[in-house]
C-alpha atoms as a PDB file:
ATOM      1  CA  MET A   1    -257.840 191.096 -65.415  1.00  0.00           C
ATOM      2  CA  ALA A   2    -260.435 192.841 -67.543  1.00  0.00           C
ATOM      3  CA  GLY A   3    -263.315 194.451 -65.721  1.00  0.00           C
ATOM      4  CA  PRO A   4    -264.846 197.646 -64.427  1.00  0.00           C
ATOM      5  CA  ALA A   5    -262.068 198.258 -61.871  1.00  0.00           C
ATOM      6  CA  THR A   6    -259.359 198.279 -64.544  1.00  0.00           C
ATOM      7  CA  SER A   7    -258.654 201.446 -66.507  1.00  0.00           C
ATOM      8  CA  SER A   8    -260.290 201.540 -69.929  1.00  0.00           C
ATOM      9  CA  PRO A   9    -257.172 201.300 -72.176  1.00  0.00           C
ATOM     10  CA  ASP A  10    -255.828 198.388 -70.127  1.00  0.00           C
ATOM     11  CA  THR A  11    -259.187 196.639 -70.195  1.00  0.00           C
ATOM     12  CA  THR A  12    -259.531 196.988 -73.954  1.00  0.00           C
ATOM     13  CA  VAL A  13    -256.050 195.596 -74.566  1.00  0.00           C
ATOM     14  CA  ARG A  14    -256.703 192.663 -72.246  1.00  0.00           C
ATOM     15  CA  CYS A  15    -260.034 191.915 -73.893  1.00  0.00           C
ATOM     16  CA  ILE A  16    -258.440 191.917 -77.329  1.00  0.00           C
ATOM     17  CA  GLY A  17    -255.933 189.398 -75.969  1.00  0.00           C
ATOM     18  CA  LEU A  18    -258.829 187.375 -74.559  1.00  0.00           C
ATOM     19  CA  LYS A  19    -260.574 187.419 -77.931  1.00  0.00           C
ATOM     20  CA  ILE A  20    -257.524 185.864 -79.563  1.00  0.00           C
ATOM     21  CA  SER A  21    -256.688 183.352 -76.832  1.00  0.00           C
ATOM     22  CA  VAL A  22    -260.055 181.674 -76.190  1.00  0.00           C
ATOM     23  CA  SER A  23    -259.977 178.130 -77.538  1.00  0.00           C
ATOM     24  CA  ARG A  24    -261.991 176.249 -74.900  1.00  0.00           C
ATOM     25  CA  SER A  25    -265.364 176.729 -73.245  1.00  0.00           C
ATOM     26  CA  LYS A  26    -263.895 176.577 -69.718  1.00  0.00           C
ATOM     27  CA  ASN A  27    -264.584 180.216 -68.747  1.00  0.00           C
ATOM     28  CA  ARG A  28    -267.675 180.754 -70.884  1.00  0.00           C
ATOM     29  CA  ILE A  29    -269.833 182.087 -68.025  1.00  0.00           C
ATOM     30  CA  ASP A  30    -267.109 184.553 -66.977  1.00  0.00           C
ATOM     31  CA  ILE A  31    -266.958 185.856 -70.544  1.00  0.00           C
ATOM     32  CA  TYR A  32    -270.716 186.468 -70.492  1.00  0.00           C
ATOM     33  CA  LEU A  33    -270.318 188.365 -67.220  1.00  0.00           C
ATOM     34  CA  LEU A  34    -267.656 190.542 -68.876  1.00  0.00           C
ATOM     35  CA  ALA A  35    -270.128 191.309 -71.665  1.00  0.00           C
ATOM     36  CA  MET A  36    -272.533 192.731 -69.069  1.00  0.00           C
ATOM     37  CA  ASN A  37    -269.947 195.348 -67.984  1.00  0.00           C
ATOM     38  CA  ASP A  38    -270.465 198.511 -69.986  1.00  0.00           C
ATOM     39  CA  ILE A  39    -267.416 200.752 -70.251  1.00  0.00           C
ATOM     40  CA  GLN A  40    -268.570 204.317 -70.805  1.00  0.00           C
ATOM     41  CA  GLU A  41    -265.370 205.508 -72.522  1.00  0.00           C
ATOM     42  CA  ASP A  42    -265.515 202.787 -75.195  1.00  0.00           C
ATOM     43  CA  ALA A  43    -266.931 204.838 -78.065  1.00  0.00           C
ATOM     44  CA  SER A  44    -265.628 202.471 -80.735  1.00  0.00           C
ATOM     45  CA  ARG A  45    -267.067 199.463 -78.856  1.00  0.00           C
ATOM     46  CA  GLU A  46    -263.737 197.604 -79.031  1.00  0.00           C
ATOM     47  CA  TYR A  47    -264.328 196.155 -75.567  1.00  0.00           C
ATOM     48  CA  LEU A  48    -267.721 194.668 -76.371  1.00  0.00           C
ATOM     49  CA  ASN A  49    -266.597 193.491 -79.780  1.00  0.00           C
ATOM     50  CA  ALA A  50    -263.670 191.639 -78.217  1.00  0.00           C
ATOM     51  CA  VAL A  51    -265.826 190.102 -75.478  1.00  0.00           C
ATOM     52  CA  HIS A  52    -268.515 189.019 -77.960  1.00  0.00           C
ATOM     53  CA  THR A  53    -265.872 187.404 -80.162  1.00  0.00           C
ATOM     54  CA  ALA A  54    -264.454 185.578 -77.138  1.00  0.00           C
ATOM     55  CA  ALA A  55    -267.964 184.379 -76.216  1.00  0.00           C
ATOM     56  CA  TYR A  56    -268.511 183.152 -79.764  1.00  0.00           C
ATOM     57  CA  ARG A  57    -265.233 181.255 -79.701  1.00  0.00           C
ATOM     58  CA  ALA A  58    -266.101 179.726 -76.306  1.00  0.00           C
ATOM     59  CA  GLU A  59    -269.504 178.597 -77.590  1.00  0.00           C
ATOM     60  CA  LEU A  60    -267.893 177.158 -80.709  1.00  0.00           C
ATOM     61  CA  ALA A  61    -265.455 175.210 -78.521  1.00  0.00           C
ATOM     62  CA  ARG A  62    -268.366 173.975 -76.381  1.00  0.00           C
ATOM     63  CA  VAL A  63    -270.171 172.670 -79.457  1.00  0.00           C
ATOM     64  CA  LYS A  64    -266.983 170.896 -80.548  1.00  0.00           C
ATOM     65  CA  GLY A  65    -266.715 169.325 -77.096  1.00  0.00           C
ATOM     66  CA  GLN A  66    -263.726 171.315 -75.873  1.00  0.00           C
END
C-alpha cells in the first residue's frame, strides 16, 4: 500500500501504521525495499523514519525467532 505510486500524504500515513504494526520478520525484505524509495516531498523525513523503525522492529523479531 505504501510506495512510489501512492500519493505522499497517504504513503506517510500508511508507513506510520506499518511502523506500529510490525511484530514479525515475515516481510523484512519488502520493508528494506520500501526504504529504497525516496519520496521527494518528504521534507521532515517521516516516511523514512517510519520505514527504518519498521525495519528495526522486523530485525528485532527475527533475532527473537519470530
